[in-house]
Amino acid sequence: MRALLAALLLSLSLPAVADTVAIRAGAVVDPSRGTVARDQVILVKDGLVAAIGADIVVPADARIVDLSHEWVLPGLMDAHTHLTLTEVTGDAPFESFYIKESTTYRGLRGLHNAQALLDAGFTVVRDIGNSADYAMQDVRRGIERGWFPGPTIIDAGKIIAPFGGQSHGMPPEQGRFWKYEYLDADGVAEIQKAVRSNIYYGAGVTKLVLDNGPYHYSLEELRAAVEESHRAGVPVSVHVYGGDAADTAIEAGVDSIEHGFFLTDVQLRRMHDKGIALVSTDFPRALLDVIGTSGGIFPEPEVLAPKIIDRLVRAHRIGVRLVFGTDIVMERAGSTRADLMFDYLAVWREAGITPMETLRAMTIDAAQLLRIDKARGRLAPGFAADLLAVPGDPLADIEVLRRVDFVMKDGRIIRQGPRAAAAR
């Protein structure tokens, strides 16, 4: 796959980064502080924010971008993506999506989706597994080497799970075909080896599946995963809905719980006290009706939809750190994955979460979970120049995020609509 991607992508070139760019912003939203500053100048140099303020002296040779009628905010983040995966919707077997697709094909899909997300203002994504034989590692490396534009990608490699991955009841003669997507790991030694294998291949997060069957990891096993990952500076994410498995994950000190649809108030309070983030993947009801049970992984939509809202309301009330993540694994005619991701904003509104809090979950809180908050997630001197501009106030109507006029990634202009004029 590496050779094919190189052959396809080396011919692509990125636009040059100007020495200095001066952005005249009508308003700058800072979710990390909960503030809005009017009539700001953002000075960008060498891919970083060099200065920001109302009285910045603009160098004579700077390229000026006029966003004086725009609202500017840090680049968005989605902490739960599966960019190489397109699931067969409804109640088809979960394995249907990958048994007929090669790693190379999956990598190309991941590249396509990653670029669509960047164009929509998502400058960082965490890809949480299900990428065949490490396809997202190659997509990430290609982006990092400058072969093509794309967001910052933090990927999990293969998902670690007890025997069987997320498959159920397959006949023995079929073999362990799920190993295309998963690492079987049972017992402390196997878990340590699985964590090390993923990190060896470049994983920036360890992802484990807990309550996907009648058995789940013990506290000893989960602690081994946490200790092994944290020694390497890698956070731990777990797929878990609730119950005893969630208790074990919280006690083990994982960094984030993904989904957590059936978490109790007691569990949410323990998460708050231990600083464990909830990446809540709050599926809109219309999307759940299309996905169905995902081959038995999810409860029925009529059961799951109200649970999602209720859990989000309670988590917000208790003060659990919420991180925006979508878990989009499907296509919709005429829409990009970013379009589908923005559909989740309606769920957060219904749960009573303010636009500023939602933006925080999509920027600095996500950056903290991803361990990149010293470099990304804010518009401040020394931080990466990852930003977007929209034509209206996102604090009055967060749906304006669908109307991105301008995107910059690491100081490079990715998208510039007619409203985002370049003065010179």
Protein backbone atom coordinates (compact mmCIF):
# COMPACT_ATOMS: atom_id res chain seq x y z
CA MET A 1 0.00 0.00 0.00
CA ARG A 2 2.81 2.45 0.77
CA ALA A 3 4.21 2.12 -2.76
CA LEU A 4 0.82 2.64 -4.39
CA LEU A 5 -0.01 5.69 -2.27
CA ALA A 6 3.38 7.16 -3.05
CA ALA A 7 2.87 6.67 -6.78
CA LEU A 8 -0.59 8.23 -6.67
CA LEU A 9 0.20 11.14 -4.40
CA LEU A 10 3.74 12.29 -5.03
CA SER A 11 2.47 14.14 -8.08
CA LEU A 12 0.24 16.31 -5.87
CA SER A 13 1.69 19.53 -4.54
CA LEU A 14 0.50 21.79 -1.78
CA PRO A 15 0.24 25.55 -2.19
CA ALA A 16 3.24 27.36 -0.80
CA VAL A 17 3.07 28.82 2.68
CA ALA A 18 3.55 32.59 2.57
CA ASP A 19 6.33 33.91 4.83
CA THR A 20 3.84 36.01 6.80
CA VAL A 21 0.05 36.18 6.61
CA ALA A 22 -1.99 38.86 8.36
CA ILE A 23 -5.65 37.96 8.89
CA ARG A 24 -8.05 40.81 9.65
CA ALA A 25 -10.80 39.12 11.65
CA GLY A 26 -14.15 40.70 12.43
CA ALA A 27 -14.46 38.57 15.56
CA VAL A 28 -12.31 35.85 17.13
CA VAL A 29 -14.00 33.19 19.25
CA ASP A 30 -11.83 31.62 21.95
CA PRO A 31 -13.64 28.55 23.36
CA SER A 32 -10.74 27.87 25.73
CA ARG A 33 -11.57 31.09 27.60
CA GLY A 34 -15.19 31.51 26.60
CA THR A 35 -14.51 34.92 25.07
CA VAL A 36 -15.06 36.85 21.84
CA ALA A 37 -12.69 39.63 20.70
CA ARG A 38 -13.68 42.09 17.95
CA ASP A 39 -11.57 43.53 15.13
CA GLN A 40 -8.48 41.42 15.65
CA VAL A 41 -5.38 40.86 13.56
CA ILE A 42 -3.95 37.33 13.53
CA LEU A 43 -0.35 37.29 12.38
CA VAL A 44 0.77 33.92 11.02
CA LYS A 45 4.40 33.04 10.36
CA ASP A 46 6.06 29.70 9.63
CA GLY A 47 2.80 27.84 10.20
CA LEU A 48 2.24 29.26 13.70
CA VAL A 49 0.26 32.10 15.20
CA ALA A 50 2.93 34.75 15.80
CA ALA A 51 0.67 37.38 17.36
CA ILE A 52 -3.00 38.18 17.83
CA GLY A 53 -4.66 41.38 18.98
CA ALA A 54 -6.31 44.63 17.99
CA ASP A 55 -3.09 46.69 17.73
CA ILE A 56 -0.79 44.32 15.87
CA VAL A 57 1.63 46.02 13.48
CA VAL A 58 1.34 44.29 10.11
CA PRO A 59 4.69 43.79 8.32
CA ALA A 60 4.92 45.55 4.97
CA ASP A 61 5.55 42.30 3.10
CA ALA A 62 2.72 40.32 4.73
CA ARG A 63 -0.03 38.75 2.67
CA ILE A 64 -3.28 40.19 4.00
CA VAL A 65 -6.45 38.11 4.18
CA ASP A 66 -9.61 40.10 4.79
CA LEU A 67 -11.96 38.27 7.16
CA SER A 68 -13.22 41.52 8.65
CA HIS A 69 -16.84 40.46 8.14
CA GLU A 70 -16.24 36.93 9.42
CA TRP A 71 -16.16 35.07 12.71
CA VAL A 72 -12.86 33.23 13.18
CA LEU A 73 -12.33 30.28 15.51
CA PRO A 74 -9.83 27.46 16.05
CA GLY A 75 -9.93 24.48 13.74
CA LEU A 76 -12.50 21.87 14.73
CA MET A 77 -11.72 18.37 16.01
CA ASP A 78 -13.61 15.06 15.90
CA ALA A 79 -12.24 12.55 18.39
CA HIS A 80 -14.09 9.47 17.10
CA THR A 81 -13.88 8.80 13.37
CA HIS A 82 -13.53 5.73 11.18
CA LEU A 83 -12.45 7.35 7.93
CA THR A 84 -11.67 4.16 6.00
CA LEU A 85 -14.91 2.42 6.96
CA THR A 86 -18.22 2.54 5.14
CA GLU A 87 -20.60 0.18 6.83
CA VAL A 88 -23.40 -1.74 5.14
CA THR A 89 -26.39 -0.09 6.78
CA GLY A 90 -29.39 -1.68 8.42
CA ASP A 91 -29.01 -5.04 10.11
CA ALA A 92 -26.40 -6.54 7.79
CA PRO A 93 -23.64 -8.47 9.55
CA PHE A 94 -21.01 -6.10 10.91
CA GLU A 95 -18.31 -7.85 8.89
CA SER A 96 -20.03 -7.03 5.58
CA PHE A 97 -18.17 -3.78 5.16
CA TYR A 98 -14.65 -5.16 5.15
CA ILE A 99 -14.56 -8.71 3.84
CA LYS A 100 -14.51 -7.54 0.19
CA GLU A 101 -12.26 -4.46 0.48
CA SER A 102 -8.47 -4.31 0.37
CA THR A 103 -6.29 -2.24 2.65
CA THR A 104 -5.26 -0.05 -0.29
CA TYR A 105 -8.87 0.69 -1.20
CA ARG A 106 -9.66 1.46 2.41
CA GLY A 107 -6.70 3.83 2.60
CA LEU A 108 -7.87 5.74 -0.45
CA ARG A 109 -11.33 6.11 1.09
CA GLY A 110 -9.67 7.38 4.27
CA LEU A 111 -7.73 9.96 2.27
CA HIS A 112 -10.90 11.10 0.49
CA ASN A 113 -12.81 11.50 3.75
CA ALA A 114 -9.90 13.18 5.53
CA GLN A 115 -9.64 15.83 2.83
CA ALA A 116 -13.40 16.45 2.87
CA LEU A 117 -13.24 17.00 6.63
CA LEU A 118 -10.34 19.43 6.34
CA ASP A 119 -12.23 21.40 3.69
CA ALA A 120 -15.13 21.69 6.17
CA GLY A 121 -12.90 23.04 8.94
CA PHE A 122 -11.93 19.86 10.83
CA THR A 123 -8.19 20.34 11.18
CA VAL A 124 -7.65 17.42 13.63
CA VAL A 125 -9.31 14.00 13.70
CA ARG A 126 -8.72 10.95 15.84
CA ASP A 127 -9.29 7.79 13.83
CA ILE A 128 -10.27 5.14 16.32
CA GLY A 129 -9.70 1.90 14.39
CA ASN A 130 -11.33 -0.32 11.80
CA SER A 131 -8.82 0.67 9.14
CA ALA A 132 -7.88 -2.79 7.83
CA ASP A 133 -4.16 -3.54 7.95
CA TYR A 134 -3.06 -0.14 9.33
CA ALA A 135 -4.36 1.88 6.36
CA MET A 136 -4.74 5.11 8.34
CA GLN A 137 -1.09 5.00 9.38
CA ASP A 138 -0.16 5.33 5.72
CA VAL A 139 -2.68 8.11 5.11
CA ARG A 140 -1.31 9.97 8.14
CA ARG A 141 2.28 9.53 7.01
CA GLY A 142 1.46 10.80 3.53
CA ILE A 143 -0.14 13.93 4.99
CA GLU A 144 2.75 14.49 7.38
CA ARG A 145 5.24 14.20 4.50
CA GLY A 146 3.39 16.86 2.55
CA TRP A 147 2.26 14.65 -0.33
CA PHE A 148 -1.28 16.01 -0.05
CA PRO A 149 -3.35 18.27 2.23
CA GLY A 150 -5.18 16.74 5.17
CA PRO A 151 -5.95 17.19 8.84
CA THR A 152 -3.70 16.19 11.70
CA ILE A 153 -4.57 12.51 12.23
CA ILE A 154 -4.13 10.56 15.45
CA ASP A 155 -4.90 6.93 14.75
CA ALA A 156 -5.39 3.81 16.83
CA GLY A 157 -4.13 1.08 14.54
CA LYS A 158 -6.03 -2.15 15.11
CA ILE A 159 -8.68 -2.32 17.82
CA ILE A 160 -7.72 -4.52 20.76
CA ALA A 161 -10.46 -6.86 21.97
CA PRO A 162 -11.08 -10.18 23.69
CA PHE A 163 -11.24 -13.14 21.32
CA GLY A 164 -13.49 -12.39 18.35
CA GLY A 165 -13.13 -8.64 17.95
CA GLN A 166 -16.65 -7.32 17.43
CA SER A 167 -17.85 -10.44 15.62
CA HIS A 168 -20.33 -12.88 17.09
CA GLY A 169 -20.80 -16.64 16.68
CA MET A 170 -18.79 -17.21 13.51
CA PRO A 171 -18.26 -20.87 12.57
CA PRO A 172 -14.74 -22.10 13.34
CA GLU A 173 -14.04 -23.13 9.74
CA GLN A 174 -14.24 -19.49 8.67
CA GLY A 175 -11.06 -18.78 10.61
CA ARG A 176 -10.23 -15.65 12.56
CA PHE A 177 -10.91 -13.29 9.65
CA TRP A 178 -11.70 -10.44 12.05
CA LYS A 179 -7.96 -10.09 12.61
CA TYR A 180 -8.02 -7.97 9.47
CA GLU A 181 -9.46 -5.26 11.78
CA TYR A 182 -8.72 -6.40 15.35
CA LEU A 183 -6.02 -7.80 17.60
CA ASP A 184 -7.22 -10.69 19.74
CA ALA A 185 -5.71 -10.20 23.19
CA ASP A 186 -6.65 -12.19 26.28
CA GLY A 187 -4.65 -11.96 29.48
CA VAL A 188 -2.10 -9.40 30.57
CA ALA A 189 0.77 -10.61 28.39
CA GLU A 190 -1.31 -10.61 25.19
CA ILE A 191 -2.65 -7.16 25.95
CA GLN A 192 0.82 -5.78 26.54
CA LYS A 193 1.97 -7.27 23.23
CA ALA A 194 -1.05 -5.88 21.37
CA VAL A 195 -0.47 -2.37 22.77
CA ARG A 196 3.19 -2.53 21.83
CA SER A 197 2.39 -3.81 18.34
CA ASN A 198 0.07 -0.90 17.61
CA ILE A 199 2.50 1.67 18.99
CA TYR A 200 5.27 0.10 16.92
CA TYR A 201 3.21 0.72 13.79
CA GLY A 202 2.55 4.33 14.78
CA ALA A 203 -0.63 4.35 16.86
CA GLY A 204 -1.24 7.56 18.81
CA VAL A 205 -4.07 6.11 20.91
CA THR A 206 -4.87 2.64 22.26
CA LYS A 207 -8.45 1.58 21.52
CA LEU A 208 -10.05 -1.38 23.30
CA VAL A 209 -13.52 -2.89 22.98
CA LEU A 210 -15.12 -3.90 26.27
CA ASP A 211 -18.79 -4.85 26.41
CA ASN A 212 -19.33 -6.31 22.96
CA GLY A 213 -20.12 -9.81 24.14
CA PRO A 214 -20.75 -11.96 27.21
CA TYR A 215 -17.14 -11.50 28.39
CA HIS A 216 -15.10 -8.36 28.89
CA TYR A 217 -11.70 -7.39 30.22
CA SER A 218 -10.85 -7.71 33.89
CA LEU A 219 -9.45 -4.86 35.95
CA GLU A 220 -6.00 -6.46 35.82
CA GLU A 221 -6.12 -6.67 32.03
CA LEU A 222 -7.32 -3.09 31.58
CA ARG A 223 -4.74 -1.74 33.99
CA ALA A 224 -2.07 -3.51 31.95
CA ALA A 225 -3.31 -1.72 28.82
CA VAL A 226 -3.36 1.65 30.60
CA GLU A 227 0.08 1.23 32.14
CA GLU A 228 1.68 -0.01 28.92
CA SER A 229 0.12 2.79 26.86
CA HIS A 230 0.85 5.56 29.33
CA ARG A 231 4.50 4.52 29.58
CA ALA A 232 4.70 5.28 25.86
CA GLY A 233 2.80 8.56 26.26
CA VAL A 234 -0.29 7.17 24.52
CA PRO A 235 -3.83 7.67 25.90
CA VAL A 236 -6.36 4.84 26.21
CA SER A 237 -9.86 4.87 24.73
CA VAL A 238 -12.50 2.21 25.39
CA HIS A 239 -15.68 1.30 23.56
CA VAL A 240 -18.18 0.65 26.34
CA TYR A 241 -21.89 1.26 26.87
CA GLY A 242 -22.22 0.89 30.64
CA GLY A 243 -22.62 -1.72 33.35
CA ASP A 244 -19.82 -3.69 34.96
CA ALA A 245 -17.49 -3.13 32.01
CA ALA A 246 -17.76 0.64 32.44
CA ASP A 247 -17.04 0.30 36.17
CA THR A 248 -13.87 -1.61 35.32
CA ALA A 249 -12.78 0.97 32.73
CA ILE A 250 -13.30 3.85 35.16
CA GLU A 251 -11.44 2.06 37.94
CA ALA A 252 -8.55 1.27 35.58
CA GLY A 253 -8.10 4.96 34.80
CA VAL A 254 -8.67 4.99 31.04
CA ASP A 255 -8.50 8.39 29.35
CA SER A 256 -11.85 8.31 27.56
CA ILE A 257 -15.02 6.31 27.33
CA GLU A 258 -16.49 6.13 23.84
CA HIS A 259 -20.31 6.02 23.62
CA GLY A 260 -21.25 5.29 27.25
CA PHE A 261 -24.93 5.32 26.33
CA PHE A 262 -26.06 3.55 29.53
CA LEU A 263 -23.75 5.19 32.08
CA THR A 264 -25.36 5.86 35.46
CA ASP A 265 -25.02 9.08 37.45
CA VAL A 266 -22.70 7.27 39.85
CA GLN A 267 -20.43 6.27 36.98
CA LEU A 268 -20.51 9.75 35.47
CA ARG A 269 -19.53 11.28 38.80
CA ARG A 270 -16.60 8.89 39.09
CA MET A 271 -15.54 9.84 35.58
CA HIS A 272 -15.70 13.51 36.55
CA ASP A 273 -13.67 12.93 39.70
CA LYS A 274 -11.00 10.96 37.81
CA GLY A 275 -10.84 13.32 34.82
CA ILE A 276 -12.05 10.70 32.33
CA ALA A 277 -13.52 12.25 29.19
CA LEU A 278 -16.73 11.12 27.52
CA VAL A 279 -16.53 10.98 23.73
CA SER A 280 -20.27 10.74 23.44
CA THR A 281 -20.98 9.90 19.75
CA ASP A 282 -24.52 11.27 20.03
CA PHE A 283 -26.21 9.78 16.96
CA PRO A 284 -29.22 11.76 15.69
CA ARG A 285 -32.37 9.63 15.50
CA ALA A 286 -32.54 9.89 11.70
CA LEU A 287 -29.05 8.44 11.44
CA LEU A 288 -29.85 5.65 13.88
CA ASP A 289 -32.81 4.66 11.74
CA VAL A 290 -30.43 4.18 8.79
CA ILE A 291 -27.70 2.37 10.76
CA GLY A 292 -30.13 0.04 12.54
CA THR A 293 -28.41 -2.18 15.07
CA SER A 294 -25.19 -2.38 13.03
CA GLY A 295 -25.47 -6.13 12.95
CA GLY A 296 -26.29 -6.39 16.65
CA ILE A 297 -23.66 -4.01 18.03
CA PHE A 298 -26.18 -1.27 18.90
CA PRO A 299 -29.57 -1.53 20.61
CA GLU A 300 -32.66 -0.82 18.52
CA PRO A 301 -32.96 2.87 17.48
CA GLU A 302 -36.15 3.44 19.46
CA VAL A 303 -34.30 2.27 22.59
CA LEU A 304 -31.01 4.01 21.91
CA ALA A 305 -32.14 7.48 20.77
CA PRO A 306 -33.72 8.63 24.07
CA LYS A 307 -30.86 7.05 26.06
CA ILE A 308 -28.35 9.15 24.12
CA ILE A 309 -30.10 12.41 24.96
CA ASP A 310 -30.66 11.46 28.59
CA ARG A 311 -27.03 10.44 29.10
CA LEU A 312 -25.74 13.63 27.46
CA VAL A 313 -27.99 15.80 29.65
CA ARG A 314 -26.80 14.05 32.81
CA ALA A 315 -23.13 14.08 31.84
CA HIS A 316 -23.31 17.80 31.14
CA ARG A 317 -25.09 18.50 34.42
CA ILE A 318 -22.52 16.51 36.41
CA GLY A 319 -19.65 18.29 34.67
CA VAL A 320 -18.00 15.38 32.85
CA ARG A 321 -15.52 16.63 30.26
CA LEU A 322 -17.37 16.20 26.98
CA VAL A 323 -15.40 15.72 23.78
CA PHE A 324 -17.05 15.89 20.36
CA GLY A 325 -16.92 12.60 18.46
CA THR A 326 -19.31 11.26 15.84
CA ASP A 327 -18.50 7.67 14.82
CA ILE A 328 -19.81 8.27 11.28
CA VAL A 329 -19.49 5.02 9.32
CA MET A 330 -21.96 5.54 6.48
CA GLU A 331 -22.52 7.55 3.33
CA ARG A 332 -25.49 9.72 2.35
CA ALA A 333 -26.07 10.71 -1.26
CA GLY A 334 -25.17 14.35 -1.85
CA SER A 335 -23.45 14.74 1.54
CA THR A 336 -19.91 14.54 2.83
CA ARG A 337 -19.02 13.00 6.16
CA ALA A 338 -18.66 16.53 7.49
CA ASP A 339 -22.30 17.20 6.63
CA LEU A 340 -23.29 14.15 8.66
CA MET A 341 -21.03 15.17 11.54
CA PHE A 342 -22.68 18.58 11.77
CA ASP A 343 -26.04 16.82 12.18
CA TYR A 344 -24.86 15.94 15.71
CA LEU A 345 -25.02 19.60 16.72
CA ALA A 346 -28.81 19.32 16.97
CA VAL A 347 -28.46 16.63 19.65
CA TRP A 348 -26.20 18.85 21.74
CA ARG A 349 -28.71 21.71 21.44
CA GLU A 350 -31.53 19.42 22.52
CA ALA A 351 -29.46 18.44 25.56
CA GLY A 352 -29.21 22.10 26.58
CA ILE A 353 -25.50 22.52 25.84
CA THR A 354 -24.60 26.05 24.78
CA PRO A 355 -22.78 26.79 21.51
CA MET A 356 -19.66 27.94 23.40
CA GLU A 357 -19.57 24.69 25.38
CA THR A 358 -20.04 22.71 22.18
CA LEU A 359 -17.19 24.61 20.51
CA ARG A 360 -15.02 23.89 23.53
CA ALA A 361 -15.77 20.17 23.12
CA MET A 362 -14.74 20.49 19.46
CA THR A 363 -11.48 22.35 20.15
CA ILE A 364 -9.51 22.67 23.40
CA ASP A 365 -11.17 19.82 25.32
CA ALA A 366 -10.60 17.49 22.37
CA ALA A 367 -7.00 18.70 22.14
CA GLN A 368 -6.43 17.91 25.82
CA LEU A 369 -7.71 14.37 25.38
CA LEU A 370 -5.56 13.91 22.28
CA ARG A 371 -2.53 15.30 24.17
CA ILE A 372 -1.92 18.04 21.64
CA ASP A 373 -3.24 20.96 23.71
CA LYS A 374 0.22 22.57 23.95
CA ALA A 375 0.28 22.98 20.17
CA ARG A 376 -3.32 22.97 18.87
CA GLY A 377 -6.86 23.77 19.96
CA ARG A 378 -6.42 27.52 20.59
CA LEU A 379 -5.67 30.66 18.61
CA ALA A 380 -2.72 31.97 20.60
CA PRO A 381 0.93 32.84 19.95
CA GLY A 382 3.04 29.74 19.46
CA PHE A 383 0.08 27.53 18.54
CA ALA A 384 -0.40 25.97 15.11
CA ALA A 385 -2.27 28.28 12.73
CA ASP A 386 -5.28 25.96 12.39
CA LEU A 387 -8.42 28.04 11.97
CA LEU A 388 -11.65 28.57 10.08
CA ALA A 389 -13.99 31.46 9.37
CA VAL A 390 -17.77 31.50 9.07
CA PRO A 391 -20.11 34.30 7.92
CA GLY A 392 -22.17 34.54 11.10
CA ASP A 393 -22.01 34.31 14.87
CA PRO A 394 -21.67 30.63 15.87
CA LEU A 395 -22.65 31.54 19.43
CA ALA A 396 -26.04 32.73 18.18
CA ASP A 397 -26.51 29.84 15.73
CA ILE A 398 -23.96 27.07 15.80
CA GLU A 399 -25.36 25.70 12.52
CA VAL A 400 -23.33 28.43 10.80
CA LEU A 401 -20.42 25.96 11.06
CA ARG A 402 -21.89 24.35 7.95
CA ARG A 403 -21.05 27.51 5.98
CA VAL A 404 -17.28 27.67 6.22
CA ASP A 405 -15.74 30.42 4.08
CA PHE A 406 -12.08 29.96 4.97
CA VAL A 407 -9.84 27.19 6.31
CA MET A 408 -6.17 27.43 7.26
CA LYS A 409 -4.08 24.45 8.36
CA ASP A 410 -0.57 24.94 9.75
CA GLY A 411 -0.50 28.40 8.15
CA ARG A 412 -1.48 27.10 4.71
CA ILE A 413 -4.72 28.35 3.17
CA ILE A 414 -6.83 25.31 2.32
CA ARG A 415 -10.12 26.98 1.43
CA GLN A 416 -10.92 30.59 0.60
CA GLY A 417 -14.40 31.53 -0.54
CA PRO A 418 -15.41 34.81 -2.20
CA ARG A 419 -16.26 36.43 1.17
CA ALA A 420 -12.76 35.70 2.47
CA ALA A 421 -10.92 38.18 0.27
CA ALA A 422 -7.18 38.44 -0.10
CA ALA A 423 -6.21 42.11 -0.14
CA ARG A 424 -2.77 41.44 -1.50
